[in-house]
Amino acid sequence: HSAPTHANPRRPVPPPVRTYHGTDPSLVPTHNASATLHYRDGHYNGNINVKSRQRCGEGSYAYEMGYFKYTGQWRNGIKEGRGRLEFGDGGFYEGEFSQGEIIGRGVQR
C-alpha cells in the first residue's frame, strides 16, 4: 500500500524530471532526473541529482541480499527525512531518518 499523494504546503515542489534507465547518470542531459541505477550491493530507483551524481529526493533502494528495502527521501546520497525501511522478515520501520540513521520518531513492527 502506498500513501496518498497530495500537496504539502510546507514542502517545495521538485523540478520536473526526465526519465533515465541505465548505469551512468552522467549521460542524463539535465540536473535532475528519475533513474534506475545498479550498485554492487543493490539497486536504486528514484530521483538523482545528476550534477553531484547522488540520490536526491524520493526513491527506493533494494539491497542485493534481499533483507532490506528503503523507500523515502534522500539527500546527498543518504537517507534523510521521512522513509520506510522494510525487513525481509516482514517487519519495518517507518518514520524519520537523519544522516542515514533511524532517529526514533516513527513506527516499528
PDB file of N, CA and C in Angstrom:
ATOM      1  N   HIS A   1       0.836  -1.174   0.000  1.00  0.00           N
ATOM      2  CA  HIS A   1       0.000   0.000   0.000  1.00  0.00           C
ATOM      3  C   HIS A   1       0.881   1.237   0.000  1.00  0.00           C
ATOM      4  N   SER A   2       0.550   2.157  -0.831  1.00  0.00           N
ATOM      5  CA  SER A   2       1.312   3.405  -0.834  1.00  0.00           C
ATOM      6  C   SER A   2       0.449   4.516  -0.259  1.00  0.00           C
ATOM      7  N   ALA A   3       1.105   5.466   0.363  1.00  0.00           N
ATOM      8  CA  ALA A   3       0.407   6.596   0.967  1.00  0.00           C
ATOM      9  C   ALA A   3      -0.184   7.469  -0.120  1.00  0.00           C
ATOM     10  N   PRO A   4      -1.326   8.109   0.155  1.00  0.00           N
ATOM     11  CA  PRO A   4      -1.892   9.007  -0.850  1.00  0.00           C
ATOM     12  C   PRO A   4      -0.932  10.158  -1.118  1.00  0.00           C
ATOM     13  N   THR A   5      -0.897  10.556  -2.372  1.00  0.00           N
ATOM     14  CA  THR A   5      -0.024  11.670  -2.728  1.00  0.00           C
ATOM     15  C   THR A   5      -0.862  12.930  -2.820  1.00  0.00           C
ATOM     16  N   HIS A   6      -0.514  13.915  -2.029  1.00  0.00           N
ATOM     17  CA  HIS A   6      -1.194  15.206  -2.066  1.00  0.00           C
ATOM     18  C   HIS A   6      -0.173  16.273  -1.736  1.00  0.00           C
ATOM     19  N   ALA A   7      -0.471  17.485  -2.131  1.00  0.00           N
ATOM     20  CA  ALA A   7       0.477  18.586  -1.942  1.00  0.00           C
ATOM     21  C   ALA A   7       0.650  18.899  -0.464  1.00  0.00           C
ATOM     22  N   ASN A   8       1.864  19.159  -0.073  1.00  0.00           N
ATOM     23  CA  ASN A   8       2.179  19.592   1.284  1.00  0.00           C
ATOM     24  C   ASN A   8       2.645  21.033   1.164  1.00  0.00           C
ATOM     25  N   PRO A   9       1.925  21.990   1.748  1.00  0.00           N
ATOM     26  CA  PRO A   9       2.286  23.400   1.549  1.00  0.00           C
ATOM     27  C   PRO A   9       3.651  23.763   2.141  1.00  0.00           C
ATOM     28  N   ARG A  10       4.177  22.981   3.087  1.00  0.00           N
ATOM     29  CA  ARG A  10       5.479  23.279   3.676  1.00  0.00           C
ATOM     30  C   ARG A  10       6.623  22.649   2.908  1.00  0.00           C
ATOM     31  N   ARG A  11       6.333  21.848   1.930  1.00  0.00           N
ATOM     32  CA  ARG A  11       7.359  21.136   1.187  1.00  0.00           C
ATOM     33  C   ARG A  11       7.436  21.682  -0.238  1.00  0.00           C
ATOM     34  N   PRO A  12       8.627  22.104  -0.702  1.00  0.00           N
ATOM     35  CA  PRO A  12       8.723  22.646  -2.055  1.00  0.00           C
ATOM     36  C   PRO A  12       8.445  21.582  -3.109  1.00  0.00           C
ATOM     37  N   VAL A  13       7.873  22.020  -4.205  1.00  0.00           N
ATOM     38  CA  VAL A  13       7.598  21.117  -5.316  1.00  0.00           C
ATOM     39  C   VAL A  13       8.902  20.887  -6.075  1.00  0.00           C
ATOM     40  N   PRO A  14       9.274  19.606  -6.297  1.00  0.00           N
ATOM     41  CA  PRO A  14      10.523  19.354  -7.016  1.00  0.00           C
ATOM     42  C   PRO A  14      10.416  19.786  -8.473  1.00  0.00           C
ATOM     43  N   PRO A  15      11.544  20.112  -9.096  1.00  0.00           N
ATOM     44  CA  PRO A  15      11.507  20.488 -10.507  1.00  0.00           C
ATOM     45  C   PRO A  15      11.121  19.282 -11.360  1.00  0.00           C
ATOM     46  N   PRO A  16      10.619  19.527 -12.567  1.00  0.00           N
ATOM     47  CA  PRO A  16      10.276  18.407 -13.446  1.00  0.00           C
ATOM     48  C   PRO A  16      11.512  17.541 -13.699  1.00  0.00           C
ATOM     49  N   VAL A  17      11.276  16.241 -13.864  1.00  0.00           N
ATOM     50  CA  VAL A  17      12.391  15.325 -14.105  1.00  0.00           C
ATOM     51  C   VAL A  17      12.224  14.654 -15.459  1.00  0.00           C
ATOM     52  N   ARG A  18      13.344  14.210 -15.982  1.00  0.00           N
ATOM     53  CA  ARG A  18      13.325  13.398 -17.185  1.00  0.00           C
ATOM     54  C   ARG A  18      13.643  11.977 -16.777  1.00  0.00           C
ATOM     55  N   THR A  19      13.176  11.016 -17.538  1.00  0.00           N
ATOM     56  CA  THR A  19      13.397   9.619 -17.187  1.00  0.00           C
ATOM     57  C   THR A  19      14.708   9.124 -17.771  1.00  0.00           C
ATOM     58  N   TYR A  20      15.430   8.355 -16.983  1.00  0.00           N
ATOM     59  CA  TYR A  20      16.697   7.745 -17.408  1.00  0.00           C
ATOM     60  C   TYR A  20      16.765   6.346 -16.833  1.00  0.00           C
ATOM     61  N   HIS A  21      17.074   5.371 -17.673  1.00  0.00           N
ATOM     62  CA  HIS A  21      17.247   3.994 -17.221  1.00  0.00           C
ATOM     63  C   HIS A  21      18.624   3.556 -17.676  1.00  0.00           C
ATOM     64  N   GLY A  22      19.502   3.274 -16.733  1.00  0.00           N
ATOM     65  CA  GLY A  22      20.844   2.863 -17.093  1.00  0.00           C
ATOM     66  C   GLY A  22      21.756   2.886 -15.901  1.00  0.00           C
ATOM     67  N   THR A  23      23.063   2.841 -16.158  1.00  0.00           N
ATOM     68  CA  THR A  23      24.012   2.774 -15.058  1.00  0.00           C
ATOM     69  C   THR A  23      24.925   3.985 -14.980  1.00  0.00           C
ATOM     70  N   ASP A  24      24.840   4.914 -15.917  1.00  0.00           N
ATOM     71  CA  ASP A  24      25.746   6.056 -15.920  1.00  0.00           C
ATOM     72  C   ASP A  24      24.961   7.360 -15.871  1.00  0.00           C
ATOM     73  N   PRO A  25      24.770   7.933 -14.651  1.00  0.00           N
ATOM     74  CA  PRO A  25      23.978   9.160 -14.561  1.00  0.00           C
ATOM     75  C   PRO A  25      24.605  10.345 -15.273  1.00  0.00           C
ATOM     76  N   SER A  26      25.868  10.279 -15.643  1.00  0.00           N
ATOM     77  CA  SER A  26      26.490  11.392 -16.358  1.00  0.00           C
ATOM     78  C   SER A  26      25.910  11.548 -17.764  1.00  0.00           C
ATOM     79  N   LEU A  27      25.189  10.542 -18.237  1.00  0.00           N
ATOM     80  CA  LEU A  27      24.595  10.616 -19.576  1.00  0.00           C
ATOM     81  C   LEU A  27      23.262  11.349 -19.596  1.00  0.00           C
ATOM     82  N   VAL A  28      22.705  11.663 -18.425  1.00  0.00           N
ATOM     83  CA  VAL A  28      21.415  12.335 -18.356  1.00  0.00           C
ATOM     84  C   VAL A  28      21.597  13.812 -18.706  1.00  0.00           C
ATOM     85  N   PRO A  29      20.793  14.348 -19.623  1.00  0.00           N
ATOM     86  CA  PRO A  29      21.005  15.716 -20.099  1.00  0.00           C
ATOM     87  C   PRO A  29      20.389  16.809 -19.237  1.00  0.00           C
ATOM     88  N   THR A  30      20.168  16.580 -17.968  1.00  0.00           N
ATOM     89  CA  THR A  30      19.581  17.591 -17.094  1.00  0.00           C
ATOM     90  C   THR A  30      20.161  17.428 -15.693  1.00  0.00           C
ATOM     91  N   HIS A  31      19.930  18.404 -14.805  1.00  0.00           N
ATOM     92  CA  HIS A  31      20.489  18.326 -13.453  1.00  0.00           C
ATOM     93  C   HIS A  31      19.667  17.459 -12.521  1.00  0.00           C
ATOM     94  N   ASN A  32      18.405  17.231 -12.813  1.00  0.00           N
ATOM     95  CA  ASN A  32      17.545  16.366 -12.011  1.00  0.00           C
ATOM     96  C   ASN A  32      16.934  15.324 -12.931  1.00  0.00           C
ATOM     97  N   ALA A  33      16.905  14.093 -12.454  1.00  0.00           N
ATOM     98  CA  ALA A  33      16.382  13.029 -13.299  1.00  0.00           C
ATOM     99  C   ALA A  33      15.813  11.916 -12.443  1.00  0.00           C
ATOM    100  N   SER A  34      14.946  11.143 -13.048  1.00  0.00           N
ATOM    101  CA  SER A  34      14.470   9.911 -12.454  1.00  0.00           C
ATOM    102  C   SER A  34      15.318   8.811 -13.061  1.00  0.00           C
ATOM    103  N   ALA A  35      15.864   7.931 -12.222  1.00  0.00           N
ATOM    104  CA  ALA A  35      16.816   6.950 -12.731  1.00  0.00           C
ATOM    105  C   ALA A  35      16.658   5.600 -12.054  1.00  0.00           C
ATOM    106  N   THR A  36      17.114   4.569 -12.744  1.00  0.00           N
ATOM    107  CA  THR A  36      17.320   3.250 -12.158  1.00  0.00           C
ATOM    108  C   THR A  36      18.810   3.008 -12.245  1.00  0.00           C
ATOM    109  N   LEU A  37      19.451   2.889 -11.086  1.00  0.00           N
ATOM    110  CA  LEU A  37      20.902   2.719 -11.025  1.00  0.00           C
ATOM    111  C   LEU A  37      21.238   1.421 -10.308  1.00  0.00           C
ATOM    112  N   HIS A  38      22.272   0.737 -10.781  1.00  0.00           N
ATOM    113  CA  HIS A  38      22.676  -0.543 -10.206  1.00  0.00           C
ATOM    114  C   HIS A  38      24.034  -0.392  -9.524  1.00  0.00           C
ATOM    115  N   TYR A  39      24.130  -0.923  -8.307  1.00  0.00           N
ATOM    116  CA  TYR A  39      25.343  -0.870  -7.497  1.00  0.00           C
ATOM    117  C   TYR A  39      25.730  -2.296  -7.117  1.00  0.00           C
ATOM    118  N   ARG A  40      26.922  -2.463  -6.537  1.00  0.00           N
ATOM    119  CA  ARG A  40      27.365  -3.787  -6.098  1.00  0.00           C
ATOM    120  C   ARG A  40      26.433  -4.385  -5.045  1.00  0.00           C
ATOM    121  N   ASP A  41      25.900  -3.550  -4.150  1.00  0.00           N
ATOM    122  CA  ASP A  41      25.091  -4.082  -3.051  1.00  0.00           C
ATOM    123  C   ASP A  41      23.586  -3.904  -3.242  1.00  0.00           C
ATOM    124  N   GLY A  42      23.141  -3.472  -4.434  1.00  0.00           N
ATOM    125  CA  GLY A  42      21.716  -3.328  -4.668  1.00  0.00           C
ATOM    126  C   GLY A  42      21.408  -2.416  -5.836  1.00  0.00           C
ATOM    127  N   HIS A  43      20.157  -1.973  -5.912  1.00  0.00           N
ATOM    128  CA  HIS A  43      19.779  -1.053  -6.988  1.00  0.00           C
ATOM    129  C   HIS A  43      18.841   0.024  -6.443  1.00  0.00           C
ATOM    130  N   TYR A  44      18.905   1.179  -7.095  1.00  0.00           N
ATOM    131  CA  TYR A  44      18.145   2.367  -6.713  1.00  0.00           C
ATOM    132  C   TYR A  44      17.223   2.751  -7.853  1.00  0.00           C
ATOM    133  N   ASN A  45      16.003   3.131  -7.497  1.00  0.00           N
ATOM    134  CA  ASN A  45      15.044   3.627  -8.474  1.00  0.00           C
ATOM    135  C   ASN A  45      14.420   4.887  -7.882  1.00  0.00           C
ATOM    136  N   GLY A  46      14.697   6.032  -8.502  1.00  0.00           N
ATOM    137  CA  GLY A  46      14.141   7.278  -7.984  1.00  0.00           C
ATOM    138  C   GLY A  46      14.876   8.485  -8.522  1.00  0.00           C
ATOM    139  N   ASN A  47      14.773   9.587  -7.807  1.00  0.00           N
ATOM    140  CA  ASN A  47      15.375  10.842  -8.247  1.00  0.00           C
ATOM    141  C   ASN A  47      16.858  10.897  -7.913  1.00  0.00           C
ATOM    142  N   ILE A  48      17.609  11.515  -8.814  1.00  0.00           N
ATOM    143  CA  ILE A  48      19.032  11.750  -8.592  1.00  0.00           C
ATOM    144  C   ILE A  48      19.356  13.194  -8.950  1.00  0.00           C
ATOM    145  N   ASN A  49      20.420  13.692  -8.378  1.00  0.00           N
ATOM    146  CA  ASN A  49      20.988  14.967  -8.784  1.00  0.00           C
ATOM    147  C   ASN A  49      22.133  14.613  -9.727  1.00  0.00           C
ATOM    148  N   VAL A  50      21.965  14.899 -10.983  1.00  0.00           N
ATOM    149  CA  VAL A  50      22.949  14.482 -11.977  1.00  0.00           C
ATOM    150  C   VAL A  50      24.274  15.194 -11.777  1.00  0.00           C
ATOM    151  N   LYS A  51      24.223  16.447 -11.359  1.00  0.00           N
ATOM    152  CA  LYS A  51      25.453  17.205 -11.164  1.00  0.00           C
ATOM    153  C   LYS A  51      26.336  16.558 -10.095  1.00  0.00           C
ATOM    154  N   SER A  52      25.740  16.158  -8.973  1.00  0.00           N
ATOM    155  CA  SER A  52      26.522  15.521  -7.908  1.00  0.00           C
ATOM    156  C   SER A  52      26.578  14.000  -8.059  1.00  0.00           C
ATOM    157  N   ARG A  53      25.727  13.447  -8.949  1.00  0.00           N
ATOM    158  CA  ARG A  53      25.621  12.004  -9.175  1.00  0.00           C
ATOM    159  C   ARG A  53      25.218  11.253  -7.913  1.00  0.00           C
ATOM    160  N   GLN A  54      24.352  11.868  -7.112  1.00  0.00           N
ATOM    161  CA  GLN A  54      23.908  11.247  -5.872  1.00  0.00           C
ATOM    162  C   GLN A  54      22.393  11.127  -5.834  1.00  0.00           C
ATOM    163  N   ARG A  55      21.918  10.161  -5.033  1.00  0.00           N
ATOM    164  CA  ARG A  55      20.479  10.010  -4.805  1.00  0.00           C
ATOM    165  C   ARG A  55      19.986  11.274  -4.101  1.00  0.00           C
ATOM    166  N   CYS A  56      18.858  11.805  -4.582  1.00  0.00           N
ATOM    167  CA  CYS A  56      18.360  13.076  -4.061  1.00  0.00           C
ATOM    168  C   CYS A  56      16.857  13.143  -4.306  1.00  0.00           C
ATOM    169  N   GLY A  57      16.076  13.443  -3.277  1.00  0.00           N
ATOM    170  CA  GLY A  57      14.622  13.487  -3.436  1.00  0.00           C
ATOM    171  C   GLY A  57      13.996  12.172  -3.021  1.00  0.00           C
ATOM    172  N   GLU A  58      12.995  11.733  -3.745  1.00  0.00           N
ATOM    173  CA  GLU A  58      12.279  10.498  -3.432  1.00  0.00           C
ATOM    174  C   GLU A  58      12.865   9.331  -4.207  1.00  0.00           C
ATOM    175  N   GLY A  59      12.979   8.174  -3.537  1.00  0.00           N
ATOM    176  CA  GLY A  59      13.460   6.994  -4.232  1.00  0.00           C
ATOM    177  C   GLY A  59      13.473   5.764  -3.358  1.00  0.00           C
ATOM    178  N   SER A  60      13.722   4.613  -3.989  1.00  0.00           N
ATOM    179  CA  SER A  60      13.774   3.325  -3.300  1.00  0.00           C
ATOM    180  C   SER A  60      15.108   2.646  -3.576  1.00  0.00           C
ATOM    181  N   TYR A  61      15.673   2.028  -2.537  1.00  0.00           N
ATOM    182  CA  TYR A  61      16.912   1.268  -2.673  1.00  0.00           C
ATOM    183  C   TYR A  61      16.647  -0.133  -2.142  1.00  0.00           C
ATOM    184  N   ALA A  62      16.806  -1.128  -3.017  1.00  0.00           N
ATOM    185  CA  ALA A  62      16.660  -2.533  -2.625  1.00  0.00           C
ATOM    186  C   ALA A  62      18.057  -3.132  -2.528  1.00  0.00           C
ATOM    187  N   TYR A  63      18.390  -3.622  -1.348  1.00  0.00           N
ATOM    188  CA  TYR A  63      19.716  -4.188  -1.120  1.00  0.00           C
ATOM    189  C   TYR A  63      19.804  -5.574  -1.738  1.00  0.00           C
ATOM    190  N   GLU A  64      20.944  -5.888  -2.332  1.00  0.00           N
ATOM    191  CA  GLU A  64      21.169  -7.123  -3.073  1.00  0.00           C
ATOM    192  C   GLU A  64      20.828  -8.359  -2.243  1.00  0.00           C
ATOM    193  N   MET A  65      21.194  -8.379  -0.973  1.00  0.00           N
ATOM    194  CA  MET A  65      20.956  -9.557  -0.140  1.00  0.00           C
ATOM    195  C   MET A  65      19.469  -9.813   0.089  1.00  0.00           C
ATOM    196  N   GLY A  66      18.629  -8.847  -0.250  1.00  0.00           N
ATOM    197  CA  GLY A  66      17.188  -9.029  -0.178  1.00  0.00           C
ATOM    198  C   GLY A  66      16.568  -8.817   1.188  1.00  0.00           C
ATOM    199  N   TYR A  67      17.358  -8.515   2.202  1.00  0.00           N
ATOM    200  CA  TYR A  67      16.785  -8.376   3.538  1.00  0.00           C
ATOM    201  C   TYR A  67      16.261  -6.965   3.806  1.00  0.00           C
ATOM    202  N   PHE A  68      16.810  -5.947   3.161  1.00  0.00           N
ATOM    203  CA  PHE A  68      16.391  -4.571   3.410  1.00  0.00           C
ATOM    204  C   PHE A  68      15.905  -3.906   2.127  1.00  0.00           C
ATOM    205  N   LYS A  69      14.908  -3.041   2.287  1.00  0.00           N
ATOM    206  CA  LYS A  69      14.488  -2.151   1.204  1.00  0.00           C
ATOM    207  C   LYS A  69      14.079  -0.838   1.850  1.00  0.00           C
ATOM    208  N   TYR A  70      14.662   0.261   1.362  1.00  0.00           N
ATOM    209  CA  TYR A  70      14.327   1.589   1.873  1.00  0.00           C
ATOM    210  C   TYR A  70      13.593   2.357   0.788  1.00  0.00           C
ATOM    211  N   THR A  71      12.480   2.971   1.165  1.00  0.00           N
ATOM    212  CA  THR A  71      11.724   3.835   0.269  1.00  0.00           C
ATOM    213  C   THR A  71      11.458   5.130   1.013  1.00  0.00           C
ATOM    214  N   GLY A  72      11.884   6.241   0.415  1.00  0.00           N
ATOM    215  CA  GLY A  72      11.657   7.517   1.074  1.00  0.00           C
ATOM    216  C   GLY A  72      12.534   8.613   0.533  1.00  0.00           C
ATOM    217  N   GLN A  73      12.871   9.548   1.395  1.00  0.00           N
ATOM    218  CA  GLN A  73      13.607  10.741   0.995  1.00  0.00           C
ATOM    219  C   GLN A  73      15.120  10.534   1.133  1.00  0.00           C
ATOM    220  N   TRP A  74      15.848  11.178   0.209  1.00  0.00           N
ATOM    221  CA  TRP A  74      17.310  11.108   0.158  1.00  0.00           C
ATOM    222  C   TRP A  74      17.867  12.518   0.040  1.00  0.00           C
ATOM    223  N   ARG A  75      19.051  12.721   0.588  1.00  0.00           N
ATOM    224  CA  ARG A  75      19.780  13.972   0.405  1.00  0.00           C
ATOM    225  C   ARG A  75      21.266  13.626   0.357  1.00  0.00           C
ATOM    226  N   ASN A  76      21.943  14.129  -0.659  1.00  0.00           N
ATOM    227  CA  ASN A  76      23.387  13.902  -0.826  1.00  0.00           C
ATOM    228  C   ASN A  76      23.753  12.420  -0.768  1.00  0.00           C
ATOM    229  N   GLY A  77      22.885  11.569  -1.325  1.00  0.00           N
ATOM    230  CA  GLY A  77      23.177  10.146  -1.419  1.00  0.00           C
ATOM    231  C   GLY A  77      22.860   9.318  -0.189  1.00  0.00           C
ATOM    232  N   ILE A  78      22.302   9.926   0.875  1.00  0.00           N
ATOM    233  CA  ILE A  78      21.970   9.167   2.080  1.00  0.00           C
ATOM    234  C   ILE A  78      20.509   9.371   2.468  1.00  0.00           C
ATOM    235  N   LYS A  79      19.998   8.450   3.287  1.00  0.00           N
ATOM    236  CA  LYS A  79      18.618   8.550   3.762  1.00  0.00           C
ATOM    237  C   LYS A  79      18.492   9.790   4.651  1.00  0.00           C
ATOM    238  N   GLU A  80      17.520  10.640   4.322  1.00  0.00           N
ATOM    239  CA  GLU A  80      17.341  11.886   5.085  1.00  0.00           C
ATOM    240  C   GLU A  80      15.893  12.325   4.959  1.00  0.00           C
ATOM    241  N   GLY A  81      15.179  12.421   6.086  1.00  0.00           N
ATOM    242  CA  GLY A  81      13.772  12.814   6.062  1.00  0.00           C
ATOM    243  C   GLY A  81      12.879  11.624   6.361  1.00  0.00           C
ATOM    244  N   ARG A  82      11.698  11.604   5.781  1.00  0.00           N
ATOM    245  CA  ARG A  82      10.736  10.514   6.021  1.00  0.00           C
ATOM    246  C   ARG A  82      11.040   9.343   5.109  1.00  0.00           C
ATOM    247  N   GLY A  83      10.869   8.139   5.680  1.00  0.00           N
ATOM    248  CA  GLY A  83      11.083   6.953   4.879  1.00  0.00           C
ATOM    249  C   GLY A  83      10.574   5.702   5.556  1.00  0.00           C
ATOM    250  N   ARG A  84      10.666   4.610   4.824  1.00  0.00           N
ATOM    251  CA  ARG A  84      10.239   3.292   5.327  1.00  0.00           C
ATOM    252  C   ARG A  84      11.336   2.298   5.015  1.00  0.00           C
ATOM    253  N   LEU A  85      11.840   1.628   6.053  1.00  0.00           N
ATOM    254  CA  LEU A  85      12.840   0.581   5.906  1.00  0.00           C
ATOM    255  C   LEU A  85      12.151  -0.736   6.183  1.00  0.00           C
ATOM    256  N   GLU A  86      12.078  -1.587   5.145  1.00  0.00           N
ATOM    257  CA  GLU A  86      11.407  -2.881   5.268  1.00  0.00           C
ATOM    258  C   GLU A  86      12.450  -3.972   5.455  1.00  0.00           C
ATOM    259  N   PHE A  87      12.110  -4.944   6.316  1.00  0.00           N
ATOM    260  CA  PHE A  87      12.997  -6.060   6.611  1.00  0.00           C
ATOM    261  C   PHE A  87      12.466  -7.328   5.954  1.00  0.00           C
ATOM    262  N   GLY A  88      13.344  -8.258   5.640  1.00  0.00           N
ATOM    263  CA  GLY A  88      12.970  -9.499   4.966  1.00  0.00           C
ATOM    264  C   GLY A  88      12.003 -10.362   5.746  1.00  0.00           C
ATOM    265  N   ASP A  89      11.930 -10.189   7.068  1.00  0.00           N
ATOM    266  CA  ASP A  89      11.023 -10.991   7.891  1.00  0.00           C
ATOM    267  C   ASP A  89       9.622 -10.385   7.980  1.00  0.00           C
ATOM    268  N   GLY A  90       9.364  -9.305   7.229  1.00  0.00           N
ATOM    269  CA  GLY A  90       8.051  -8.663   7.225  1.00  0.00           C
ATOM    270  C   GLY A  90       7.964  -7.453   8.146  1.00  0.00           C
ATOM    271  N   GLY A  91       8.954  -7.246   9.002  1.00  0.00           N
ATOM    272  CA  GLY A  91       8.961  -6.085   9.879  1.00  0.00           C
ATOM    273  C   GLY A  91       9.358  -4.828   9.116  1.00  0.00           C
ATOM    274  N   PHE A  92       9.165  -3.681   9.759  1.00  0.00           N
ATOM    275  CA  PHE A  92       9.533  -2.417   9.117  1.00  0.00           C
ATOM    276  C   PHE A  92       9.692  -1.325  10.161  1.00  0.00           C
ATOM    277  N   TYR A  93      10.354  -0.267   9.756  1.00  0.00           N
ATOM    278  CA  TYR A  93      10.386   0.992  10.499  1.00  0.00           C
ATOM    279  C   TYR A  93       9.922   2.056   9.525  1.00  0.00           C
ATOM    280  N   GLU A  94       8.979   2.878   9.953  1.00  0.00           N
ATOM    281  CA  GLU A  94       8.506   3.984   9.123  1.00  0.00           C
ATOM    282  C   GLU A  94       8.550   5.246   9.959  1.00  0.00           C
ATOM    283  N   GLY A  95       9.318   6.220   9.492  1.00  0.00           N
ATOM    284  CA  GLY A  95       9.443   7.457  10.243  1.00  0.00           C
ATOM    285  C   GLY A  95      10.609   8.286   9.760  1.00  0.00           C
ATOM    286  N   GLU A  96      11.290   8.926  10.696  1.00  0.00           N
ATOM    287  CA  GLU A  96      12.352   9.881  10.377  1.00  0.00           C
ATOM    288  C   GLU A  96      13.734   9.229  10.314  1.00  0.00           C
ATOM    289  N   PHE A  97      14.528   9.714   9.350  1.00  0.00           N
ATOM    290  CA  PHE A  97      15.923   9.326   9.189  1.00  0.00           C
ATOM    291  C   PHE A  97      16.764  10.596   9.164  1.00  0.00           C
ATOM    292  N   SER A  98      17.948  10.522   9.740  1.00  0.00           N
ATOM    293  CA  SER A  98      18.876  11.638   9.707  1.00  0.00           C
ATOM    294  C   SER A  98      20.279  11.094   9.464  1.00  0.00           C
ATOM    295  N   GLN A  99      20.945  11.609   8.451  1.00  0.00           N
ATOM    296  CA  GLN A  99      22.289  11.184   8.077  1.00  0.00           C
ATOM    297  C   GLN A  99      22.366   9.665   7.914  1.00  0.00           C
ATOM    298  N   GLY A 100      21.318   9.081   7.313  1.00  0.00           N
ATOM    299  CA  GLY A 100      21.286   7.664   7.024  1.00  0.00           C
ATOM    300  C   GLY A 100      20.839   6.772   8.164  1.00  0.00           C
ATOM    301  N   GLU A 101      20.550   7.352   9.330  1.00  0.00           N
ATOM    302  CA  GLU A 101      20.214   6.565  10.514  1.00  0.00           C
ATOM    303  C   GLU A 101      18.773   6.812  10.967  1.00  0.00           C
ATOM    304  N   ILE A 102      18.139   5.772  11.539  1.00  0.00           N
ATOM    305  CA  ILE A 102      16.831   5.909  12.173  1.00  0.00           C
ATOM    306  C   ILE A 102      17.004   6.819  13.383  1.00  0.00           C
ATOM    307  N   ILE A 103      16.118   7.821  13.518  1.00  0.00           N
ATOM    308  CA  ILE A 103      16.265   8.700  14.672  1.00  0.00           C
ATOM    309  C   ILE A 103      15.152   8.503  15.708  1.00  0.00           C
ATOM    310  N   GLY A 104      14.331   7.482  15.537  1.00  0.00           N
ATOM    311  CA  GLY A 104      13.388   7.103  16.590  1.00  0.00           C
ATOM    312  C   GLY A 104      12.030   7.747  16.569  1.00  0.00           C
ATOM    313  N   ARG A 105      11.788   8.670  15.664  1.00  0.00           N
ATOM    314  CA  ARG A 105      10.450   9.274  15.582  1.00  0.00           C
ATOM    315  C   ARG A 105       9.686   8.573  14.481  1.00  0.00           C
ATOM    316  N   GLY A 106       9.056   7.459  14.844  1.00  0.00           N
ATOM    317  CA  GLY A 106       8.340   6.685  13.852  1.00  0.00           C
ATOM    318  C   GLY A 106       7.721   5.458  14.453  1.00  0.00           C
ATOM    319  N   VAL A 107       7.287   4.540  13.584  1.00  0.00           N
ATOM    320  CA  VAL A 107       6.623   3.302  13.976  1.00  0.00           C
ATOM    321  C   VAL A 107       7.504   2.142  13.545  1.00  0.00           C
ATOM    322  N   GLN A 108       7.656   1.165  14.445  1.00  0.00           N
ATOM    323  CA  GLN A 108       8.453  -0.019  14.110  1.00  0.00           C
ATOM    324  C   GLN A 108       7.633  -1.258  14.457  1.00  0.00           C
ATOM    325  N   ARG A 109       7.650  -2.235  13.537  1.00  0.00           N
ATOM    326  CA  ARG A 109       6.950  -3.506  13.762  1.00  0.00           C
ATOM    327  C   ARG A 109       7.805  -4.640  13.295  1.00  0.00           C
TER     328      ARG A 109
END
